[in-house]
Amino acid sequence: MSKVRKGVYSFLRGSFLTDESAFKNWRIIIFVMFLMLIIIYSSHSAERKVFEISELNKKKRELRAEYVDTGTILMRLKMESSIREKAKERGLKPSEVPPKKIKVTIKD
């Protein structure tokens, strides 16, 4: 057998984990697994944040639409024609005499 074949067979059998220098291999394997766990955790965390941002954007759009609707309703209520109608329902009517200006003078 060639050296390459022996190396592949020993790797497939897992002899690199049971040799005399296996302690070095285990340390590297544990370190790599630890790094992989950190990568997996950070990707899940980023994904969670993306979903949260998506939900907040959706809520922002809904609140913006509600704000615009409320502003439209308020503008309709502030119109002179709607105020006149409500005043008419209460029995009030516009004055026929124009208002007079009152000037206040202060004497020293």
PDB file of N, CA and C in Angstrom:
ATOM      1  N   MET A   1       0.836  -1.185   0.000  1.00  0.00           N
ATOM      2  CA  MET A   1       0.000   0.000   0.000  1.00  0.00           C
ATOM      3  C   MET A   1       0.878   1.244   0.000  1.00  0.00           C
ATOM      4  N   SER A   2       0.391   2.270  -0.630  1.00  0.00           N
ATOM      5  CA  SER A   2       1.160   3.511  -0.653  1.00  0.00           C
ATOM      6  C   SER A   2       0.905   4.299   0.631  1.00  0.00           C
ATOM      7  N   LYS A   3       1.733   5.297   0.838  1.00  0.00           N
ATOM      8  CA  LYS A   3       1.614   6.116   2.054  1.00  0.00           C
ATOM      9  C   LYS A   3       0.288   6.875   2.077  1.00  0.00           C
ATOM     10  N   VAL A   4      -0.141   7.328   0.929  1.00  0.00           N
ATOM     11  CA  VAL A   4      -1.400   8.079   0.854  1.00  0.00           C
ATOM     12  C   VAL A   4      -2.565   7.185   1.235  1.00  0.00           C
ATOM     13  N   ARG A   5      -2.568   5.966   0.738  1.00  0.00           N
ATOM     14  CA  ARG A   5      -3.648   5.028   1.056  1.00  0.00           C
ATOM     15  C   ARG A   5      -3.645   4.700   2.537  1.00  0.00           C
ATOM     16  N   LYS A   6      -2.457   4.458   3.095  1.00  0.00           N
ATOM     17  CA  LYS A   6      -2.380   4.162   4.535  1.00  0.00           C
ATOM     18  C   LYS A   6      -2.879   5.353   5.349  1.00  0.00           C
ATOM     19  N   GLY A   7      -2.540   6.555   4.917  1.00  0.00           N
ATOM     20  CA  GLY A   7      -2.994   7.755   5.627  1.00  0.00           C
ATOM     21  C   GLY A   7      -4.506   7.894   5.586  1.00  0.00           C
ATOM     22  N   VAL A   8      -5.097   7.624   4.443  1.00  0.00           N
ATOM     23  CA  VAL A   8      -6.554   7.722   4.303  1.00  0.00           C
ATOM     24  C   VAL A   8      -7.237   6.651   5.149  1.00  0.00           C
ATOM     25  N   TYR A   9      -6.712   5.408   5.116  1.00  0.00           N
ATOM     26  CA  TYR A   9      -7.300   4.337   5.919  1.00  0.00           C
ATOM     27  C   TYR A   9      -7.186   4.626   7.407  1.00  0.00           C
ATOM     28  N   SER A  10      -6.039   5.130   7.824  1.00  0.00           N
ATOM     29  CA  SER A  10      -5.879   5.423   9.256  1.00  0.00           C
ATOM     30  C   SER A  10      -6.817   6.556   9.674  1.00  0.00           C
ATOM     31  N   PHE A  11      -7.036   7.507   8.791  1.00  0.00           N
ATOM     32  CA  PHE A  11      -7.963   8.597   9.096  1.00  0.00           C
ATOM     33  C   PHE A  11      -9.396   8.089   9.189  1.00  0.00           C
ATOM     34  N   LEU A  12      -9.782   7.225   8.241  1.00  0.00           N
ATOM     35  CA  LEU A  12     -11.139   6.683   8.244  1.00  0.00           C
ATOM     36  C   LEU A  12     -11.385   5.775   9.445  1.00  0.00           C
ATOM     37  N   ARG A  13     -10.373   5.047   9.888  1.00  0.00           N
ATOM     38  CA  ARG A  13     -10.521   4.185  11.069  1.00  0.00           C
ATOM     39  C   ARG A  13     -10.493   4.976  12.373  1.00  0.00           C
ATOM     40  N   GLY A  14     -10.038   6.242  12.300  1.00  0.00           N
ATOM     41  CA  GLY A  14      -9.986   7.068  13.500  1.00  0.00           C
ATOM     42  C   GLY A  14      -8.749   6.822  14.331  1.00  0.00           C
ATOM     43  N   SER A  15      -7.706   6.313  13.733  1.00  0.00           N
ATOM     44  CA  SER A  15      -6.493   6.032  14.496  1.00  0.00           C
ATOM     45  C   SER A  15      -5.805   7.319  14.942  1.00  0.00           C
ATOM     46  N   PHE A  16      -6.107   8.438  14.302  1.00  0.00           N
ATOM     47  CA  PHE A  16      -5.510   9.702  14.743  1.00  0.00           C
ATOM     48  C   PHE A  16      -6.039  10.130  16.106  1.00  0.00           C
ATOM     49  N   LEU A  17      -7.143   9.538  16.537  1.00  0.00           N
ATOM     50  CA  LEU A  17      -7.693   9.857  17.851  1.00  0.00           C
ATOM     51  C   LEU A  17      -7.174   8.919  18.934  1.00  0.00           C
ATOM     52  N   THR A  18      -6.606   7.800  18.550  1.00  0.00           N
ATOM     53  CA  THR A  18      -6.147   6.824  19.544  1.00  0.00           C
ATOM     54  C   THR A  18      -4.637   6.671  19.573  1.00  0.00           C
ATOM     55  N   ASP A  19      -3.924   7.395  18.755  1.00  0.00           N
ATOM     56  CA  ASP A  19      -2.453   7.327  18.750  1.00  0.00           C
ATOM     57  C   ASP A  19      -1.871   7.964  20.001  1.00  0.00           C
ATOM     58  N   GLU A  20      -0.554   7.955  20.072  1.00  0.00           N
ATOM     59  CA  GLU A  20       0.131   8.569  21.206  1.00  0.00           C
ATOM     60  C   GLU A  20      -0.027  10.087  21.186  1.00  0.00           C
ATOM     61  N   SER A  21      -0.103  10.663  20.017  1.00  0.00           N
ATOM     62  CA  SER A  21      -0.249  12.118  19.910  1.00  0.00           C
ATOM     63  C   SER A  21      -1.726  12.526  19.816  1.00  0.00           C
ATOM     64  N   ALA A  22      -2.592  11.693  20.309  1.00  0.00           N
ATOM     65  CA  ALA A  22      -4.031  11.950  20.208  1.00  0.00           C
ATOM     66  C   ALA A  22      -4.460  13.133  21.053  1.00  0.00           C
ATOM     67  N   PHE A  23      -3.738  13.402  22.143  1.00  0.00           N
ATOM     68  CA  PHE A  23      -4.113  14.522  23.016  1.00  0.00           C
ATOM     69  C   PHE A  23      -4.070  15.839  22.242  1.00  0.00           C
ATOM     70  N   LYS A  24      -3.061  16.013  21.396  1.00  0.00           N
ATOM     71  CA  LYS A  24      -2.971  17.229  20.574  1.00  0.00           C
ATOM     72  C   LYS A  24      -4.150  17.288  19.601  1.00  0.00           C
ATOM     73  N   ASN A  25      -4.481  16.168  19.029  1.00  0.00           N
ATOM     74  CA  ASN A  25      -5.603  16.126  18.095  1.00  0.00           C
ATOM     75  C   ASN A  25      -6.921  16.435  18.791  1.00  0.00           C
ATOM     76  N   TRP A  26      -7.122  15.895  19.977  1.00  0.00           N
ATOM     77  CA  TRP A  26      -8.360  16.144  20.714  1.00  0.00           C
ATOM     78  C   TRP A  26      -8.495  17.620  21.058  1.00  0.00           C
ATOM     79  N   ARG A  27      -7.382  18.253  21.450  1.00  0.00           N
ATOM     80  CA  ARG A  27      -7.443  19.679  21.779  1.00  0.00           C
ATOM     81  C   ARG A  27      -7.876  20.491  20.560  1.00  0.00           C
ATOM     82  N   ILE A  28      -7.320  20.168  19.414  1.00  0.00           N
ATOM     83  CA  ILE A  28      -7.678  20.895  18.193  1.00  0.00           C
ATOM     84  C   ILE A  28      -9.140  20.631  17.824  1.00  0.00           C
ATOM     85  N   ILE A  29      -9.560  19.372  17.939  1.00  0.00           N
ATOM     86  CA  ILE A  29     -10.949  19.021  17.598  1.00  0.00           C
ATOM     87  C   ILE A  29     -11.925  19.736  18.530  1.00  0.00           C
ATOM     88  N   ILE A  30     -11.630  19.759  19.815  1.00  0.00           N
ATOM     89  CA  ILE A  30     -12.514  20.442  20.774  1.00  0.00           C
ATOM     90  C   ILE A  30     -12.541  21.937  20.491  1.00  0.00           C
ATOM     91  N   PHE A  31     -11.384  22.516  20.162  1.00  0.00           N
ATOM     92  CA  PHE A  31     -11.326  23.941  19.835  1.00  0.00           C
ATOM     93  C   PHE A  31     -12.157  24.247  18.592  1.00  0.00           C
ATOM     94  N   VAL A  32     -12.039  23.423  17.568  1.00  0.00           N
ATOM     95  CA  VAL A  32     -12.804  23.626  16.338  1.00  0.00           C
ATOM     96  C   VAL A  32     -14.303  23.473  16.608  1.00  0.00           C
ATOM     97  N   MET A  33     -14.678  22.499  17.432  1.00  0.00           N
ATOM     98  CA  MET A  33     -16.098  22.321  17.780  1.00  0.00           C
ATOM     99  C   MET A  33     -16.620  23.529  18.548  1.00  0.00           C
ATOM    100  N   PHE A  34     -15.808  24.059  19.449  1.00  0.00           N
ATOM    101  CA  PHE A  34     -16.194  25.250  20.201  1.00  0.00           C
ATOM    102  C   PHE A  34     -16.416  26.428  19.247  1.00  0.00           C
ATOM    103  N   LEU A  35     -15.511  26.596  18.287  1.00  0.00           N
ATOM    104  CA  LEU A  35     -15.681  27.667  17.306  1.00  0.00           C
ATOM    105  C   LEU A  35     -16.936  27.462  16.465  1.00  0.00           C
ATOM    106  N   MET A  36     -17.216  26.225  16.113  1.00  0.00           N
ATOM    107  CA  MET A  36     -18.423  25.932  15.340  1.00  0.00           C
ATOM    108  C   MET A  36     -19.682  26.263  16.133  1.00  0.00           C
ATOM    109  N   LEU A  37     -19.676  25.960  17.425  1.00  0.00           N
ATOM    110  CA  LEU A  37     -20.833  26.295  18.265  1.00  0.00           C
ATOM    111  C   LEU A  37     -21.022  27.807  18.343  1.00  0.00           C
ATOM    112  N   ILE A  38     -19.920  28.541  18.445  1.00  0.00           N
ATOM    113  CA  ILE A  38     -20.021  30.001  18.480  1.00  0.00           C
ATOM    114  C   ILE A  38     -20.591  30.532  17.171  1.00  0.00           C
ATOM    115  N   ILE A  39     -20.148  29.985  16.055  1.00  0.00           N
ATOM    116  CA  ILE A  39     -20.658  30.419  14.747  1.00  0.00           C
ATOM    117  C   ILE A  39     -22.145  30.118  14.622  1.00  0.00           C
ATOM    118  N   ILE A  40     -22.563  28.945  15.041  1.00  0.00           N
ATOM    119  CA  ILE A  40     -23.982  28.575  14.968  1.00  0.00           C
ATOM    120  C   ILE A  40     -24.820  29.497  15.841  1.00  0.00           C
ATOM    121  N   TYR A  41     -24.335  29.770  17.058  1.00  0.00           N
ATOM    122  CA  TYR A  41     -25.078  30.655  17.961  1.00  0.00           C
ATOM    123  C   TYR A  41     -25.194  32.060  17.369  1.00  0.00           C
ATOM    124  N   SER A  42     -24.100  32.575  16.822  1.00  0.00           N
ATOM    125  CA  SER A  42     -24.150  33.935  16.278  1.00  0.00           C
ATOM    126  C   SER A  42     -25.062  34.013  15.057  1.00  0.00           C
ATOM    127  N   SER A  43     -25.094  32.972  14.245  1.00  0.00           N
ATOM    128  CA  SER A  43     -25.995  32.998  13.083  1.00  0.00           C
ATOM    129  C   SER A  43     -27.458  32.950  13.531  1.00  0.00           C
ATOM    130  N   HIS A  44     -27.755  32.143  14.551  1.00  0.00           N
ATOM    131  CA  HIS A  44     -29.138  32.111  15.075  1.00  0.00           C
ATOM    132  C   HIS A  44     -29.503  33.459  15.680  1.00  0.00           C
ATOM    133  N   SER A  45     -28.573  34.064  16.370  1.00  0.00           N
ATOM    134  CA  SER A  45     -28.827  35.371  16.972  1.00  0.00           C
ATOM    135  C   SER A  45     -29.089  36.417  15.894  1.00  0.00           C
ATOM    136  N   ALA A  46     -28.299  36.407  14.844  1.00  0.00           N
ATOM    137  CA  ALA A  46     -28.505  37.360  13.748  1.00  0.00           C
ATOM    138  C   ALA A  46     -29.847  37.122  13.066  1.00  0.00           C
ATOM    139  N   GLU A  47     -30.207  35.873  12.887  1.00  0.00           N
ATOM    140  CA  GLU A  47     -31.489  35.542  12.264  1.00  0.00           C
ATOM    141  C   GLU A  47     -32.653  36.043  13.118  1.00  0.00           C
ATOM    142  N   ARG A  48     -32.535  35.858  14.435  1.00  0.00           N
ATOM    143  CA  ARG A  48     -33.564  36.326  15.365  1.00  0.00           C
ATOM    144  C   ARG A  48     -33.712  37.844  15.264  1.00  0.00           C
ATOM    145  N   LYS A  49     -32.594  38.547  15.154  1.00  0.00           N
ATOM    146  CA  LYS A  49     -32.645  40.001  15.044  1.00  0.00           C
ATOM    147  C   LYS A  49     -33.275  40.434  13.727  1.00  0.00           C
ATOM    148  N   VAL A  50     -33.016  39.697  12.651  1.00  0.00           N
ATOM    149  CA  VAL A  50     -33.627  40.022  11.363  1.00  0.00           C
ATOM    150  C   VAL A  50     -35.142  39.878  11.449  1.00  0.00           C
ATOM    151  N   PHE A  51     -35.625  38.809  12.095  1.00  0.00           N
ATOM    152  CA  PHE A  51     -37.067  38.631  12.265  1.00  0.00           C
ATOM    153  C   PHE A  51     -37.655  39.750  13.122  1.00  0.00           C
ATOM    154  N   GLU A  52     -36.946  40.138  14.165  1.00  0.00           N
ATOM    155  CA  GLU A  52     -37.429  41.210  15.038  1.00  0.00           C
ATOM    156  C   GLU A  52     -37.500  42.532  14.276  1.00  0.00           C
ATOM    157  N   ILE A  53     -36.496  42.818  13.462  1.00  0.00           N
ATOM    158  CA  ILE A  53     -36.503  44.041  12.657  1.00  0.00           C
ATOM    159  C   ILE A  53     -37.670  44.013  11.673  1.00  0.00           C
ATOM    160  N   SER A  54     -37.933  42.866  11.092  1.00  0.00           N
ATOM    161  CA  SER A  54     -39.043  42.724  10.157  1.00  0.00           C
ATOM    162  C   SER A  54     -40.377  43.011  10.848  1.00  0.00           C
ATOM    163  N   GLU A  55     -40.553  42.449  12.034  1.00  0.00           N
ATOM    164  CA  GLU A  55     -41.794  42.676  12.795  1.00  0.00           C
ATOM    165  C   GLU A  55     -41.935  44.157  13.166  1.00  0.00           C
ATOM    166  N   LEU A  56     -40.843  44.784  13.584  1.00  0.00           N
ATOM    167  CA  LEU A  56     -40.902  46.196  13.969  1.00  0.00           C
ATOM    168  C   LEU A  56     -41.210  47.079  12.765  1.00  0.00           C
ATOM    169  N   ASN A  57     -40.673  46.745  11.594  1.00  0.00           N
ATOM    170  CA  ASN A  57     -40.992  47.512  10.386  1.00  0.00           C
ATOM    171  C   ASN A  57     -42.460  47.379  10.021  1.00  0.00           C
ATOM    172  N   LYS A  58     -42.991  46.178  10.187  1.00  0.00           N
ATOM    173  CA  LYS A  58     -44.420  45.954   9.909  1.00  0.00           C
ATOM    174  C   LYS A  58     -45.280  46.778  10.860  1.00  0.00           C
ATOM    175  N   LYS A  59     -44.918  46.764  12.133  1.00  0.00           N
ATOM    176  CA  LYS A  59     -45.665  47.539  13.127  1.00  0.00           C
ATOM    177  C   LYS A  59     -45.550  49.033  12.850  1.00  0.00           C
ATOM    178  N   LYS A  60     -44.365  49.474  12.405  1.00  0.00           N
ATOM    179  CA  LYS A  60     -44.161  50.892  12.089  1.00  0.00           C
ATOM    180  C   LYS A  60     -45.062  51.315  10.942  1.00  0.00           C
ATOM    181  N   ARG A  61     -45.176  50.475   9.912  1.00  0.00           N
ATOM    182  CA  ARG A  61     -46.052  50.798   8.778  1.00  0.00           C
ATOM    183  C   ARG A  61     -47.509  50.900   9.227  1.00  0.00           C
ATOM    184  N   GLU A  62     -47.930  49.973  10.112  1.00  0.00           N
ATOM    185  CA  GLU A  62     -49.312  50.012  10.606  1.00  0.00           C
ATOM    186  C   GLU A  62     -49.567  51.285  11.408  1.00  0.00           C
ATOM    187  N   LEU A  63     -48.623  51.643  12.282  1.00  0.00           N
ATOM    188  CA  LEU A  63     -48.796  52.855  13.079  1.00  0.00           C
ATOM    189  C   LEU A  63     -48.779  54.110  12.207  1.00  0.00           C
ATOM    190  N   ARG A  64     -47.952  54.098  11.167  1.00  0.00           N
ATOM    191  CA  ARG A  64     -47.904  55.242  10.252  1.00  0.00           C
ATOM    192  C   ARG A  64     -49.252  55.392   9.542  1.00  0.00           C
ATOM    193  N   ALA A  65     -49.826  54.277   9.101  1.00  0.00           N
ATOM    194  CA  ALA A  65     -51.133  54.329   8.432  1.00  0.00           C
ATOM    195  C   ALA A  65     -52.204  54.840   9.396  1.00  0.00           C
ATOM    196  N   GLU A  66     -52.156  54.386  10.633  1.00  0.00           N
ATOM    197  CA  GLU A  66     -53.117  54.852  11.639  1.00  0.00           C
ATOM    198  C   GLU A  66     -52.953  56.348  11.891  1.00  0.00           C
ATOM    199  N   TYR A  67     -51.706  56.819  11.914  1.00  0.00           N
ATOM    200  CA  TYR A  67     -51.430  58.240  12.121  1.00  0.00           C
ATOM    201  C   TYR A  67     -52.013  59.070  10.982  1.00  0.00           C
ATOM    202  N   VAL A  68     -51.817  58.614   9.760  1.00  0.00           N
ATOM    203  CA  VAL A  68     -52.342  59.345   8.604  1.00  0.00           C
ATOM    204  C   VAL A  68     -53.862  59.355   8.640  1.00  0.00           C
ATOM    205  N   ASP A  69     -54.486  58.221   8.969  1.00  0.00           N
ATOM    206  CA  ASP A  69     -55.947  58.163   9.050  1.00  0.00           C
ATOM    207  C   ASP A  69     -56.476  59.111  10.122  1.00  0.00           C
ATOM    208  N   THR A  70     -55.833  59.114  11.281  1.00  0.00           N
ATOM    209  CA  THR A  70     -56.267  59.995  12.365  1.00  0.00           C
ATOM    210  C   THR A  70     -56.109  61.456  11.973  1.00  0.00           C
ATOM    211  N   GLY A  71     -55.010  61.787  11.287  1.00  0.00           N
ATOM    212  CA  GLY A  71     -54.801  63.161  10.824  1.00  0.00           C
ATOM    213  C   GLY A  71     -55.867  63.584   9.832  1.00  0.00           C
ATOM    214  N   THR A  72     -56.271  62.672   8.955  1.00  0.00           N
ATOM    215  CA  THR A  72     -57.319  62.965   7.973  1.00  0.00           C
ATOM    216  C   THR A  72     -58.649  63.231   8.678  1.00  0.00           C
ATOM    217  N   ILE A  73     -58.968  62.395   9.645  1.00  0.00           N
ATOM    218  CA  ILE A  73     -60.220  62.581  10.392  1.00  0.00           C
ATOM    219  C   ILE A  73     -60.204  63.915  11.126  1.00  0.00           C
ATOM    220  N   LEU A  74     -59.077  64.252  11.728  1.00  0.00           N
ATOM    221  CA  LEU A  74     -58.952  65.517  12.456  1.00  0.00           C
ATOM    222  C   LEU A  74     -59.117  66.705  11.508  1.00  0.00           C
ATOM    223  N   MET A  75     -58.524  66.638  10.330  1.00  0.00           N
ATOM    224  CA  MET A  75     -58.651  67.730   9.375  1.00  0.00           C
ATOM    225  C   MET A  75     -60.107  67.903   8.943  1.00  0.00           C
ATOM    226  N   ARG A  76     -60.825  66.799   8.783  1.00  0.00           N
ATOM    227  CA  ARG A  76     -62.247  66.896   8.416  1.00  0.00           C
ATOM    228  C   ARG A  76     -63.054  67.536   9.547  1.00  0.00           C
ATOM    229  N   LEU A  77     -62.717  67.180  10.787  1.00  0.00           N
ATOM    230  CA  LEU A  77     -63.448  67.749  11.920  1.00  0.00           C
ATOM    231  C   LEU A  77     -63.168  69.243  12.086  1.00  0.00           C
ATOM    232  N   LYS A  78     -61.997  69.690  11.684  1.00  0.00           N
ATOM    233  CA  LYS A  78     -61.623  71.093  11.848  1.00  0.00           C
ATOM    234  C   LYS A  78     -62.156  71.982  10.720  1.00  0.00           C
ATOM    235  N   MET A  79     -62.691  71.389   9.672  1.00  0.00           N
ATOM    236  CA  MET A  79     -63.198  72.186   8.549  1.00  0.00           C
ATOM    237  C   MET A  79     -64.394  73.026   8.996  1.00  0.00           C
ATOM    238  N   GLU A  80     -64.481  74.223   8.441  1.00  0.00           N
ATOM    239  CA  GLU A  80     -65.536  75.142   8.851  1.00  0.00           C
ATOM    240  C   GLU A  80     -66.923  74.585   8.576  1.00  0.00           C
ATOM    241  N   SER A  81     -67.083  73.858   7.486  1.00  0.00           N
ATOM    242  CA  SER A  81     -68.402  73.327   7.144  1.00  0.00           C
ATOM    243  C   SER A  81     -68.865  72.303   8.179  1.00  0.00           C
ATOM    244  N   SER A  82     -67.958  71.457   8.648  1.00  0.00           N
ATOM    245  CA  SER A  82     -68.374  70.467   9.646  1.00  0.00           C
ATOM    246  C   SER A  82     -68.646  71.142  10.992  1.00  0.00           C
ATOM    247  N   ILE A  83     -67.919  72.199  11.293  1.00  0.00           N
ATOM    248  CA  ILE A  83     -68.176  72.925  12.551  1.00  0.00           C
ATOM    249  C   ILE A  83     -69.528  73.619  12.478  1.00  0.00           C
ATOM    250  N   ARG A  84     -69.856  74.203  11.312  1.00  0.00           N
ATOM    251  CA  ARG A  84     -71.168  74.854  11.160  1.00  0.00           C
ATOM    252  C   ARG A  84     -72.310  73.839  11.316  1.00  0.00           C
ATOM    253  N   GLU A  85     -72.134  72.639  10.733  1.00  0.00           N
ATOM    254  CA  GLU A  85     -73.177  71.606  10.867  1.00  0.00           C
ATOM    255  C   GLU A  85     -73.391  71.225  12.317  1.00  0.00           C
ATOM    256  N   LYS A  86     -72.318  71.033  13.061  1.00  0.00           N
ATOM    257  CA  LYS A  86     -72.453  70.645  14.465  1.00  0.00           C
ATOM    258  C   LYS A  86     -73.049  71.775  15.300  1.00  0.00           C
ATOM    259  N   ALA A  87     -72.692  72.988  14.955  1.00  0.00           N
ATOM    260  CA  ALA A  87     -73.272  74.126  15.672  1.00  0.00           C
ATOM    261  C   ALA A  87     -74.760  74.241  15.363  1.00  0.00           C
ATOM    262  N   LYS A  88     -75.135  73.968  14.112  1.00  0.00           N
ATOM    263  CA  LYS A  88     -76.547  74.029  13.725  1.00  0.00           C
ATOM    264  C   LYS A  88     -77.351  72.975  14.471  1.00  0.00           C
ATOM    265  N   GLU A  89     -76.766  71.782  14.671  1.00  0.00           N
ATOM    266  CA  GLU A  89     -77.455  70.719  15.414  1.00  0.00           C
ATOM    267  C   GLU A  89     -77.731  71.141  16.851  1.00  0.00           C
ATOM    268  N   ARG A  90     -76.888  71.970  17.406  1.00  0.00           N
ATOM    269  CA  ARG A  90     -77.062  72.435  18.797  1.00  0.00           C
ATOM    270  C   ARG A  90     -77.915  73.703  18.878  1.00  0.00           C
ATOM    271  N   GLY A  91     -78.333  74.192  17.744  1.00  0.00           N
ATOM    272  CA  GLY A  91     -79.200  75.370  17.742  1.00  0.00           C
ATOM    273  C   GLY A  91     -78.419  76.670  17.662  1.00  0.00           C
ATOM    274  N   LEU A  92     -77.162  76.616  17.345  1.00  0.00           N
ATOM    275  CA  LEU A  92     -76.359  77.829  17.208  1.00  0.00           C
ATOM    276  C   LEU A  92     -76.305  78.235  15.748  1.00  0.00           C
ATOM    277  N   LYS A  93     -76.195  79.539  15.527  1.00  0.00           N
ATOM    278  CA  LYS A  93     -76.071  80.021  14.155  1.00  0.00           C
ATOM    279  C   LYS A  93     -75.006  81.119  14.136  1.00  0.00           C
ATOM    280  N   PRO A  94     -74.446  81.361  12.976  1.00  0.00           N
ATOM    281  CA  PRO A  94     -73.410  82.392  12.906  1.00  0.00           C
ATOM    282  C   PRO A  94     -73.994  83.778  13.199  1.00  0.00           C
ATOM    283  N   SER A  95     -73.174  84.617  13.748  1.00  0.00           N
ATOM    284  CA  SER A  95     -73.601  85.968  14.080  1.00  0.00           C
ATOM    285  C   SER A  95     -73.758  86.789  12.809  1.00  0.00           C
ATOM    286  N   GLU A  96     -74.797  87.635  12.801  1.00  0.00           N
ATOM    287  CA  GLU A  96     -75.014  88.499  11.651  1.00  0.00           C
ATOM    288  C   GLU A  96     -74.247  89.799  11.787  1.00  0.00           C
ATOM    289  N   VAL A  97     -73.891  90.137  13.019  1.00  0.00           N
ATOM    290  CA  VAL A  97     -73.134  91.363  13.276  1.00  0.00           C
ATOM    291  C   VAL A  97     -71.670  90.983  13.359  1.00  0.00           C
ATOM    292  N   PRO A  98     -70.814  91.617  12.604  1.00  0.00           N
ATOM    293  CA  PRO A  98     -69.405  91.253  12.667  1.00  0.00           C
ATOM    294  C   PRO A  98     -68.810  91.612  14.038  1.00  0.00           C
ATOM    295  N   PRO A  99     -67.792  90.920  14.426  1.00  0.00           N
ATOM    296  CA  PRO A  99     -67.191  91.201  15.724  1.00  0.00           C
ATOM    297  C   PRO A  99     -66.469  92.553  15.720  1.00  0.00           C
ATOM    298  N   LYS A 100     -66.391  93.144  16.915  1.00  0.00           N
ATOM    299  CA  LYS A 100     -65.714  94.428  17.048  1.00  0.00           C
ATOM    300  C   LYS A 100     -64.390  94.212  17.738  1.00  0.00           C
ATOM    301  N   LYS A 101     -63.420  95.010  17.349  1.00  0.00           N
ATOM    302  CA  LYS A 101     -62.107  94.944  17.966  1.00  0.00           C
ATOM    303  C   LYS A 101     -62.121  95.736  19.246  1.00  0.00           C
ATOM    304  N   ILE A 102     -61.527  95.189  20.262  1.00  0.00           N
ATOM    305  CA  ILE A 102     -61.407  95.873  21.538  1.00  0.00           C
ATOM    306  C   ILE A 102     -59.943  96.264  21.704  1.00  0.00           C
ATOM    307  N   LYS A 103     -59.726  97.563  21.894  1.00  0.00           N
ATOM    308  CA  LYS A 103     -58.361  98.013  22.112  1.00  0.00           C
ATOM    309  C   LYS A 103     -58.213  98.383  23.575  1.00  0.00           C
ATOM    310  N   VAL A 104     -57.163  97.896  24.160  1.00  0.00           N
ATOM    311  CA  VAL A 104     -56.866  98.204  25.557  1.00  0.00           C
ATOM    312  C   VAL A 104     -55.688  99.152  25.560  1.00  0.00           C
ATOM    313  N   THR A 105     -55.884 100.287  26.206  1.00  0.00           N
ATOM    314  CA  THR A 105     -54.769 101.234  26.348  1.00  0.00           C
ATOM    315  C   THR A 105     -54.419 101.343  27.810  1.00  0.00           C
ATOM    316  N   ILE A 106     -53.159 101.385  28.045  1.00  0.00           N
ATOM    317  CA  ILE A 106     -52.688 101.475  29.426  1.00  0.00           C
ATOM    318  C   ILE A 106     -52.136 102.865  29.644  1.00  0.00           C
ATOM    319  N   LYS A 107     -52.655 103.546  30.670  1.00  0.00           N
ATOM    320  CA  LYS A 107     -52.183 104.890  30.999  1.00  0.00           C
ATOM    321  C   LYS A 107     -51.142 104.765  32.103  1.00  0.00           C
ATOM    322  N   ASP A 108     -50.097 105.529  31.932  1.00  0.00           N
ATOM    323  CA  ASP A 108     -49.053 105.529  32.964  1.00  0.00           C
ATOM    324  C   ASP A 108     -49.404 106.376  34.142  1.00  0.00           C
TER     325      ASP A 108
END
